[in-house]
N, C-alpha and C. Protein backbone atom coordinates (compact mmCIF):
# COMPACT_ATOMS: atom_id res chain seq x y z
N MET A 1 0.84 -1.19 0.00
CA MET A 1 0.00 0.00 0.00
C MET A 1 0.88 1.25 0.00
N SER A 2 0.50 2.23 -0.76
CA SER A 2 1.26 3.46 -0.91
C SER A 2 1.17 4.31 0.37
N GLU A 3 2.19 5.13 0.56
CA GLU A 3 2.18 6.06 1.68
C GLU A 3 1.11 7.12 1.44
N GLN A 4 0.40 7.50 2.49
CA GLN A 4 -0.65 8.52 2.40
C GLN A 4 -0.06 9.87 2.81
N LEU A 5 -0.30 10.90 2.00
CA LEU A 5 0.21 12.23 2.27
C LEU A 5 -0.92 13.19 2.53
N LEU A 6 -0.79 13.96 3.59
CA LEU A 6 -1.80 14.93 3.98
C LEU A 6 -1.78 16.11 3.01
N VAL A 7 -2.96 16.45 2.45
CA VAL A 7 -3.08 17.62 1.58
C VAL A 7 -4.02 18.67 2.18
N GLY A 8 -4.80 18.28 3.19
CA GLY A 8 -5.70 19.22 3.84
C GLY A 8 -6.32 18.62 5.08
N ARG A 9 -6.84 19.50 5.93
CA ARG A 9 -7.53 19.07 7.15
C ARG A 9 -8.79 19.90 7.27
N VAL A 10 -9.92 19.23 7.47
CA VAL A 10 -11.19 19.93 7.60
C VAL A 10 -11.24 20.65 8.94
N ALA A 11 -11.42 21.96 8.88
CA ALA A 11 -11.50 22.76 10.11
C ALA A 11 -12.92 22.76 10.66
N LYS A 12 -13.90 22.96 9.75
CA LYS A 12 -15.30 23.06 10.20
C LYS A 12 -16.24 23.05 9.02
N ALA A 13 -17.50 22.86 9.32
CA ALA A 13 -18.54 23.01 8.30
C ALA A 13 -18.72 24.51 8.06
N HIS A 14 -19.11 24.87 6.83
CA HIS A 14 -19.31 26.28 6.49
C HIS A 14 -20.67 26.42 5.82
N GLY A 15 -21.54 27.16 6.44
CA GLY A 15 -22.88 27.35 5.86
C GLY A 15 -23.76 26.13 6.06
N ILE A 16 -24.87 26.10 5.32
CA ILE A 16 -25.85 25.03 5.53
C ILE A 16 -25.89 24.01 4.39
N SER A 17 -25.08 24.25 3.34
CA SER A 17 -25.21 23.38 2.16
C SER A 17 -24.13 22.32 2.03
N GLY A 18 -23.35 22.08 3.09
CA GLY A 18 -22.37 20.99 3.05
C GLY A 18 -20.96 21.42 2.71
N GLU A 19 -20.73 22.72 2.56
CA GLU A 19 -19.39 23.19 2.26
C GLU A 19 -18.51 23.05 3.50
N LEU A 20 -17.22 22.76 3.29
CA LEU A 20 -16.27 22.55 4.38
C LEU A 20 -15.12 23.55 4.28
N ALA A 21 -14.73 24.13 5.42
CA ALA A 21 -13.54 24.98 5.47
C ALA A 21 -12.34 24.05 5.69
N VAL A 22 -11.37 24.10 4.77
CA VAL A 22 -10.23 23.19 4.80
C VAL A 22 -8.93 23.96 4.93
N ASP A 23 -8.11 23.58 5.92
CA ASP A 23 -6.75 24.11 6.04
C ASP A 23 -5.88 23.38 5.03
N ILE A 24 -5.15 24.13 4.23
CA ILE A 24 -4.37 23.57 3.14
C ILE A 24 -3.02 23.06 3.64
N HIS A 25 -2.64 21.85 3.23
CA HIS A 25 -1.35 21.26 3.56
C HIS A 25 -0.64 20.79 2.29
N THR A 26 -0.73 21.57 1.23
CA THR A 26 -0.09 21.22 -0.03
C THR A 26 0.35 22.49 -0.73
N ASP A 27 1.41 22.38 -1.52
CA ASP A 27 1.87 23.51 -2.31
C ASP A 27 1.05 23.67 -3.59
N HIS A 28 0.20 22.70 -3.89
CA HIS A 28 -0.56 22.72 -5.13
C HIS A 28 -2.06 22.55 -4.88
N PRO A 29 -2.68 23.49 -4.15
CA PRO A 29 -4.11 23.33 -3.86
C PRO A 29 -4.99 23.33 -5.11
N ASP A 30 -4.58 24.05 -6.15
CA ASP A 30 -5.39 24.08 -7.38
C ASP A 30 -5.47 22.71 -8.03
N GLU A 31 -4.40 21.92 -7.91
CA GLU A 31 -4.39 20.56 -8.47
C GLU A 31 -5.06 19.57 -7.52
N ARG A 32 -4.73 19.64 -6.24
CA ARG A 32 -5.24 18.66 -5.27
C ARG A 32 -6.73 18.80 -5.01
N PHE A 33 -7.27 20.03 -5.18
CA PHE A 33 -8.68 20.28 -4.90
C PHE A 33 -9.44 20.72 -6.16
N ALA A 34 -8.99 20.23 -7.29
CA ALA A 34 -9.68 20.53 -8.56
C ALA A 34 -10.95 19.69 -8.64
N PRO A 35 -12.00 20.21 -9.28
CA PRO A 35 -13.23 19.43 -9.43
C PRO A 35 -12.94 18.07 -10.07
N GLY A 36 -13.53 17.03 -9.49
CA GLY A 36 -13.36 15.67 -9.99
C GLY A 36 -12.25 14.88 -9.30
N VAL A 37 -11.37 15.56 -8.58
CA VAL A 37 -10.29 14.87 -7.87
C VAL A 37 -10.88 14.07 -6.71
N VAL A 38 -10.43 12.83 -6.56
CA VAL A 38 -10.89 11.98 -5.46
C VAL A 38 -9.80 11.95 -4.40
N LEU A 39 -10.18 12.33 -3.18
CA LEU A 39 -9.29 12.29 -2.03
C LEU A 39 -9.79 11.23 -1.07
N THR A 40 -8.95 10.85 -0.14
CA THR A 40 -9.36 9.96 0.93
C THR A 40 -9.53 10.79 2.19
N ALA A 41 -10.69 10.68 2.83
CA ALA A 41 -10.95 11.39 4.08
C ALA A 41 -10.80 10.40 5.24
N ARG A 42 -9.91 10.73 6.18
CA ARG A 42 -9.77 9.94 7.40
C ARG A 42 -10.48 10.71 8.50
N LEU A 43 -11.64 10.18 8.91
CA LEU A 43 -12.47 10.87 9.89
C LEU A 43 -11.99 10.61 11.31
N ARG A 44 -12.48 11.44 12.24
CA ARG A 44 -12.09 11.31 13.65
C ARG A 44 -12.45 9.95 14.23
N ASP A 45 -13.51 9.32 13.73
CA ASP A 45 -13.91 8.01 14.26
C ASP A 45 -13.07 6.88 13.65
N ARG A 46 -12.02 7.25 12.91
CA ARG A 46 -11.06 6.34 12.27
C ARG A 46 -11.60 5.69 11.00
N SER A 47 -12.81 6.06 10.59
CA SER A 47 -13.31 5.52 9.33
C SER A 47 -12.61 6.26 8.17
N VAL A 48 -12.60 5.61 7.03
CA VAL A 48 -11.94 6.15 5.84
C VAL A 48 -12.96 6.15 4.71
N ARG A 49 -13.10 7.30 4.04
CA ARG A 49 -14.08 7.42 2.96
C ARG A 49 -13.49 8.17 1.79
N PRO A 50 -13.74 7.70 0.57
CA PRO A 50 -13.33 8.50 -0.58
C PRO A 50 -14.30 9.67 -0.75
N VAL A 51 -13.77 10.83 -1.13
CA VAL A 51 -14.60 12.01 -1.39
C VAL A 51 -14.14 12.64 -2.70
N THR A 52 -15.12 13.11 -3.46
CA THR A 52 -14.85 13.69 -4.78
C THR A 52 -15.10 15.20 -4.72
N VAL A 53 -14.10 15.98 -5.09
CA VAL A 53 -14.22 17.44 -5.06
C VAL A 53 -15.24 17.89 -6.10
N THR A 54 -16.21 18.68 -5.66
CA THR A 54 -17.18 19.29 -6.56
C THR A 54 -16.71 20.70 -6.91
N THR A 55 -16.43 21.50 -5.87
CA THR A 55 -15.92 22.86 -6.06
C THR A 55 -14.95 23.18 -4.92
N ALA A 56 -14.09 24.15 -5.17
CA ALA A 56 -13.19 24.67 -4.13
C ALA A 56 -12.93 26.14 -4.45
N ARG A 57 -12.94 26.94 -3.40
CA ARG A 57 -12.67 28.38 -3.58
C ARG A 57 -11.94 28.91 -2.35
N PRO A 58 -11.04 29.86 -2.53
CA PRO A 58 -10.32 30.42 -1.39
C PRO A 58 -11.23 31.27 -0.52
N HIS A 59 -10.97 31.24 0.80
CA HIS A 59 -11.75 32.04 1.74
C HIS A 59 -10.94 32.20 3.03
N SER A 60 -10.49 33.41 3.32
CA SER A 60 -9.80 33.73 4.58
C SER A 60 -8.63 32.78 4.89
N GLY A 61 -7.77 32.53 3.92
CA GLY A 61 -6.61 31.69 4.15
C GLY A 61 -6.88 30.20 4.11
N ARG A 62 -8.11 29.82 3.88
CA ARG A 62 -8.49 28.41 3.77
C ARG A 62 -9.14 28.20 2.40
N LEU A 63 -9.52 26.97 2.16
CA LEU A 63 -10.35 26.67 0.99
C LEU A 63 -11.73 26.29 1.50
N LEU A 64 -12.75 26.72 0.80
CA LEU A 64 -14.10 26.22 1.04
C LEU A 64 -14.34 25.17 -0.02
N VAL A 65 -14.50 23.93 0.41
CA VAL A 65 -14.58 22.79 -0.51
C VAL A 65 -15.94 22.12 -0.37
N ARG A 66 -16.49 21.76 -1.51
CA ARG A 66 -17.73 21.00 -1.54
C ARG A 66 -17.38 19.64 -2.17
N PHE A 67 -17.85 18.57 -1.52
CA PHE A 67 -17.63 17.21 -2.01
C PHE A 67 -18.97 16.61 -2.41
N ASP A 68 -18.95 15.77 -3.45
CA ASP A 68 -20.18 15.09 -3.91
C ASP A 68 -20.85 14.34 -2.76
N GLU A 69 -20.05 13.75 -1.88
CA GLU A 69 -20.56 12.88 -0.82
C GLU A 69 -21.04 13.63 0.42
N VAL A 70 -20.96 14.96 0.41
CA VAL A 70 -21.36 15.76 1.58
C VAL A 70 -22.48 16.72 1.14
N PRO A 71 -23.75 16.25 1.23
CA PRO A 71 -24.86 17.01 0.68
C PRO A 71 -25.38 18.15 1.56
N ASP A 72 -25.07 18.13 2.87
CA ASP A 72 -25.65 19.14 3.75
C ASP A 72 -24.79 19.34 5.00
N ARG A 73 -25.20 20.29 5.82
CA ARG A 73 -24.43 20.62 7.02
C ARG A 73 -24.35 19.45 8.00
N THR A 74 -25.40 18.68 8.12
CA THR A 74 -25.40 17.54 9.05
C THR A 74 -24.28 16.58 8.72
N VAL A 75 -24.15 16.23 7.45
CA VAL A 75 -23.06 15.34 7.03
C VAL A 75 -21.72 16.06 7.16
N ALA A 76 -21.69 17.35 6.81
CA ALA A 76 -20.45 18.13 6.90
C ALA A 76 -19.89 18.13 8.31
N GLU A 77 -20.75 18.21 9.31
CA GLU A 77 -20.29 18.22 10.71
C GLU A 77 -19.54 16.93 11.06
N THR A 78 -19.88 15.82 10.43
CA THR A 78 -19.18 14.56 10.73
C THR A 78 -17.75 14.56 10.16
N PHE A 79 -17.46 15.52 9.27
CA PHE A 79 -16.12 15.62 8.67
C PHE A 79 -15.19 16.56 9.43
N ARG A 80 -15.71 17.23 10.46
CA ARG A 80 -14.86 18.15 11.23
C ARG A 80 -13.63 17.40 11.74
N GLY A 81 -12.44 17.96 11.48
CA GLY A 81 -11.19 17.34 11.92
C GLY A 81 -10.66 16.26 11.00
N ALA A 82 -11.37 15.94 9.93
CA ALA A 82 -10.92 14.87 9.02
C ALA A 82 -9.64 15.28 8.30
N GLN A 83 -8.78 14.30 8.12
CA GLN A 83 -7.58 14.50 7.32
C GLN A 83 -7.91 14.12 5.88
N LEU A 84 -7.48 14.95 4.94
CA LEU A 84 -7.67 14.67 3.52
C LEU A 84 -6.31 14.28 2.96
N VAL A 85 -6.23 13.05 2.43
CA VAL A 85 -4.94 12.51 2.01
C VAL A 85 -5.00 11.99 0.57
N VAL A 86 -3.81 11.86 -0.02
CA VAL A 86 -3.65 11.25 -1.34
C VAL A 86 -2.55 10.21 -1.23
N ASP A 87 -2.53 9.26 -2.16
CA ASP A 87 -1.46 8.27 -2.22
C ASP A 87 -0.22 8.92 -2.82
N ALA A 88 0.93 8.71 -2.20
CA ALA A 88 2.19 9.31 -2.67
C ALA A 88 2.48 8.91 -4.11
N ASP A 89 2.14 7.67 -4.48
CA ASP A 89 2.46 7.23 -5.85
C ASP A 89 1.57 7.88 -6.91
N GLU A 90 0.54 8.62 -6.49
CA GLU A 90 -0.31 9.34 -7.44
C GLU A 90 0.24 10.72 -7.77
N LEU A 91 1.25 11.18 -7.02
CA LEU A 91 1.79 12.51 -7.25
C LEU A 91 2.75 12.50 -8.42
N PRO A 92 2.65 13.48 -9.30
CA PRO A 92 3.57 13.53 -10.44
C PRO A 92 4.96 13.92 -9.97
N PRO A 93 6.00 13.47 -10.67
CA PRO A 93 7.34 13.90 -10.29
C PRO A 93 7.48 15.40 -10.51
N SER A 94 8.26 16.04 -9.66
CA SER A 94 8.45 17.48 -9.80
C SER A 94 9.44 17.75 -10.92
N ASP A 95 9.16 18.77 -11.73
CA ASP A 95 10.10 19.14 -12.79
C ASP A 95 11.08 20.20 -12.31
N ASP A 96 10.99 20.60 -11.05
CA ASP A 96 11.90 21.57 -10.44
C ASP A 96 12.91 20.82 -9.58
N PRO A 97 14.20 20.89 -9.91
CA PRO A 97 15.19 20.15 -9.13
C PRO A 97 15.33 20.64 -7.68
N ASP A 98 14.81 21.83 -7.39
CA ASP A 98 14.87 22.36 -6.03
C ASP A 98 13.55 22.23 -5.28
N ALA A 99 12.61 21.45 -5.82
CA ALA A 99 11.32 21.25 -5.16
C ALA A 99 11.22 19.79 -4.72
N PHE A 100 10.73 19.59 -3.50
CA PHE A 100 10.65 18.24 -2.94
C PHE A 100 9.32 18.06 -2.24
N TYR A 101 8.79 16.85 -2.29
CA TYR A 101 7.63 16.51 -1.48
C TYR A 101 8.14 16.21 -0.07
N ASP A 102 7.30 16.49 0.93
CA ASP A 102 7.70 16.25 2.32
C ASP A 102 8.18 14.82 2.52
N HIS A 103 7.45 13.85 1.94
CA HIS A 103 7.80 12.45 2.18
C HIS A 103 9.16 12.08 1.59
N GLU A 104 9.65 12.87 0.62
CA GLU A 104 10.98 12.61 0.07
C GLU A 104 12.07 13.04 1.04
N LEU A 105 11.79 14.04 1.86
CA LEU A 105 12.79 14.57 2.80
C LEU A 105 12.78 13.86 4.14
N GLU A 106 11.59 13.44 4.59
CA GLU A 106 11.47 12.79 5.89
C GLU A 106 12.26 11.49 5.89
N GLY A 107 13.12 11.35 6.91
CA GLY A 107 13.94 10.15 7.03
C GLY A 107 15.35 10.31 6.48
N LEU A 108 15.62 11.42 5.78
CA LEU A 108 16.97 11.62 5.25
C LEU A 108 17.94 11.94 6.39
N THR A 109 19.18 11.48 6.25
CA THR A 109 20.23 11.78 7.21
C THR A 109 20.70 13.21 6.98
N VAL A 110 20.92 13.93 8.08
CA VAL A 110 21.41 15.30 8.00
C VAL A 110 22.89 15.30 8.36
N VAL A 111 23.70 15.85 7.44
CA VAL A 111 25.15 15.90 7.66
C VAL A 111 25.64 17.32 7.46
N LEU A 112 26.75 17.64 8.16
CA LEU A 112 27.40 18.93 7.97
C LEU A 112 28.21 18.89 6.68
N THR A 113 28.67 20.03 6.23
CA THR A 113 29.44 20.10 4.98
C THR A 113 30.72 19.27 5.05
N ASP A 114 31.23 19.01 6.26
CA ASP A 114 32.44 18.18 6.39
C ASP A 114 32.11 16.69 6.48
N GLY A 115 30.80 16.34 6.37
CA GLY A 115 30.39 14.94 6.38
C GLY A 115 29.97 14.40 7.74
N THR A 116 30.09 15.21 8.79
CA THR A 116 29.70 14.78 10.13
C THR A 116 28.19 14.62 10.21
N SER A 117 27.72 13.46 10.63
CA SER A 117 26.28 13.21 10.76
C SER A 117 25.76 13.91 12.02
N VAL A 118 24.63 14.61 11.87
CA VAL A 118 24.06 15.31 13.02
C VAL A 118 22.67 14.82 13.40
N GLY A 119 21.98 14.11 12.50
CA GLY A 119 20.64 13.64 12.84
C GLY A 119 19.85 13.22 11.62
N THR A 120 18.51 13.25 11.79
CA THR A 120 17.58 12.78 10.76
C THR A 120 16.42 13.76 10.63
N VAL A 121 15.99 14.02 9.40
CA VAL A 121 14.81 14.86 9.17
C VAL A 121 13.58 14.04 9.58
N THR A 122 12.78 14.58 10.51
CA THR A 122 11.58 13.87 10.96
C THR A 122 10.31 14.43 10.32
N GLU A 123 10.33 15.72 9.98
CA GLU A 123 9.16 16.32 9.33
C GLU A 123 9.53 17.68 8.77
N ILE A 124 8.61 18.25 8.00
CA ILE A 124 8.77 19.58 7.45
C ILE A 124 7.71 20.46 8.11
N ALA A 125 8.16 21.53 8.77
CA ALA A 125 7.23 22.45 9.42
C ALA A 125 7.10 23.69 8.55
N ARG A 126 5.90 24.24 8.52
CA ARG A 126 5.67 25.45 7.73
C ARG A 126 5.38 26.60 8.68
N ALA A 127 6.12 27.67 8.49
CA ALA A 127 5.97 28.87 9.30
C ALA A 127 5.75 30.04 8.34
N PRO A 128 5.24 31.17 8.84
CA PRO A 128 5.03 32.31 7.96
C PRO A 128 6.28 32.73 7.19
N ALA A 129 7.45 32.57 7.81
CA ALA A 129 8.70 32.98 7.16
C ALA A 129 9.23 31.94 6.19
N GLY A 130 8.67 30.74 6.17
CA GLY A 130 9.14 29.70 5.26
C GLY A 130 9.12 28.32 5.88
N GLU A 131 9.69 27.37 5.16
CA GLU A 131 9.70 25.98 5.63
C GLU A 131 10.91 25.72 6.51
N LEU A 132 10.71 24.80 7.46
CA LEU A 132 11.76 24.40 8.39
C LEU A 132 11.90 22.89 8.36
N LEU A 133 13.13 22.41 8.36
CA LEU A 133 13.37 20.98 8.53
C LEU A 133 13.38 20.72 10.03
N VAL A 134 12.56 19.79 10.49
CA VAL A 134 12.61 19.38 11.89
C VAL A 134 13.59 18.22 11.94
N VAL A 135 14.70 18.42 12.64
CA VAL A 135 15.78 17.44 12.67
C VAL A 135 15.92 16.87 14.07
N LYS A 136 15.81 15.53 14.15
CA LYS A 136 16.07 14.85 15.43
C LYS A 136 17.58 14.65 15.49
N LEU A 137 18.20 15.36 16.42
CA LEU A 137 19.66 15.30 16.55
C LEU A 137 20.07 13.99 17.20
N GLU A 138 21.31 13.64 17.05
CA GLU A 138 21.80 12.36 17.57
C GLU A 138 21.73 12.27 19.09
N ASP A 139 21.66 13.43 19.79
CA ASP A 139 21.52 13.40 21.25
C ASP A 139 20.06 13.28 21.69
N GLY A 140 19.13 13.14 20.70
CA GLY A 140 17.71 12.96 21.02
C GLY A 140 16.90 14.24 21.03
N THR A 141 17.56 15.41 20.99
CA THR A 141 16.83 16.67 20.95
C THR A 141 16.44 17.00 19.52
N GLU A 142 15.64 18.06 19.37
CA GLU A 142 15.22 18.48 18.03
C GLU A 142 15.78 19.86 17.72
N ALA A 143 16.03 20.08 16.44
CA ALA A 143 16.45 21.40 15.97
C ALA A 143 15.59 21.76 14.76
N LEU A 144 15.29 23.04 14.64
CA LEU A 144 14.56 23.55 13.48
C LEU A 144 15.57 24.23 12.57
N VAL A 145 15.67 23.72 11.35
CA VAL A 145 16.65 24.23 10.39
C VAL A 145 15.90 24.91 9.25
N PRO A 146 16.11 26.23 9.08
CA PRO A 146 15.45 26.92 7.96
C PRO A 146 15.84 26.26 6.64
N PHE A 147 14.82 25.93 5.83
CA PHE A 147 15.05 25.23 4.57
C PHE A 147 15.32 26.28 3.49
N VAL A 148 16.51 26.89 3.57
CA VAL A 148 16.96 27.89 2.60
C VAL A 148 18.33 27.47 2.10
N ARG A 149 18.65 27.86 0.86
CA ARG A 149 19.90 27.42 0.23
C ARG A 149 21.14 27.80 1.04
N ALA A 150 21.13 28.96 1.71
CA ALA A 150 22.30 29.40 2.48
C ALA A 150 22.64 28.42 3.61
N ILE A 151 21.61 27.73 4.16
CA ILE A 151 21.83 26.81 5.28
C ILE A 151 21.76 25.36 4.80
N VAL A 152 20.96 25.11 3.78
CA VAL A 152 20.82 23.75 3.22
C VAL A 152 21.28 23.81 1.76
N PRO A 153 22.60 23.74 1.54
CA PRO A 153 23.10 23.90 0.17
C PRO A 153 22.83 22.70 -0.75
N GLU A 154 22.58 21.52 -0.15
CA GLU A 154 22.39 20.35 -1.01
C GLU A 154 21.40 19.36 -0.40
N VAL A 155 20.51 18.86 -1.25
CA VAL A 155 19.60 17.78 -0.88
C VAL A 155 19.84 16.65 -1.87
N ASP A 156 20.22 15.49 -1.34
CA ASP A 156 20.51 14.32 -2.18
C ASP A 156 19.52 13.22 -1.79
N VAL A 157 18.32 13.27 -2.41
CA VAL A 157 17.27 12.31 -2.07
C VAL A 157 17.73 10.89 -2.36
N LYS A 158 18.31 10.68 -3.54
CA LYS A 158 18.76 9.33 -3.90
C LYS A 158 19.86 8.83 -2.98
N GLY A 159 20.73 9.73 -2.54
CA GLY A 159 21.81 9.36 -1.62
C GLY A 159 21.37 9.30 -0.17
N GLY A 160 20.12 9.75 0.11
CA GLY A 160 19.57 9.65 1.45
C GLY A 160 20.10 10.66 2.44
N ARG A 161 20.51 11.86 1.94
CA ARG A 161 21.07 12.82 2.89
C ARG A 161 20.76 14.26 2.50
N VAL A 162 20.82 15.11 3.53
CA VAL A 162 20.69 16.54 3.39
C VAL A 162 21.97 17.13 3.97
N ILE A 163 22.62 17.98 3.20
CA ILE A 163 23.84 18.62 3.69
C ILE A 163 23.48 20.02 4.19
N ILE A 164 23.90 20.33 5.42
CA ILE A 164 23.60 21.63 5.99
C ILE A 164 24.89 22.35 6.37
N ASP A 165 24.81 23.67 6.36
CA ASP A 165 25.90 24.56 6.77
C ASP A 165 25.29 25.55 7.76
N PRO A 166 25.04 25.09 9.00
CA PRO A 166 24.30 25.91 9.96
C PRO A 166 25.15 27.05 10.52
N PRO A 167 24.51 28.19 10.77
CA PRO A 167 25.24 29.27 11.46
C PRO A 167 25.51 28.87 12.91
N GLU A 168 26.46 29.52 13.52
CA GLU A 168 26.82 29.26 14.91
C GLU A 168 25.58 29.31 15.80
N GLY A 169 25.40 28.28 16.63
CA GLY A 169 24.30 28.25 17.59
C GLY A 169 23.00 27.66 17.11
N LEU A 170 22.87 27.36 15.82
CA LEU A 170 21.61 26.81 15.31
C LEU A 170 21.33 25.42 15.89
N LEU A 171 22.36 24.60 15.99
CA LEU A 171 22.17 23.24 16.49
C LEU A 171 22.45 23.19 17.98
């Protein structure tokens, strides 16, 4: 079974006609929430249901999404907190050599420019100022590394490593 990647999380029902306010967890919301796209919804009760996007429109930093399977507010309320996921193998390869999917980075070994291993990427955090690599250091603590070329000069997905050049005190 393919790895499931989070593309959105239902925040709440919106209005009375079944529309859902969705927090976006993808760099490509226009593709992931295009009409006709089928996503997998993982509900709070642990059930899993396929949902088909009918419409999506931006609203206050979120998307308002309507799914074929959610006809009204009563059904929409059962989706509160649901994770919307896609199979990793359904994602097209990126044509940008400097663009990576989160799942490609998670698990990579983090090394300094001199080759010293410092830890492992556990997740990608998004902040208003940009993306951060969450790195579990070899001593068990965590460090947040800004995912910018000045600090992360090289990502070698095939080689299984990220090379960093951190400023003094970052780690």
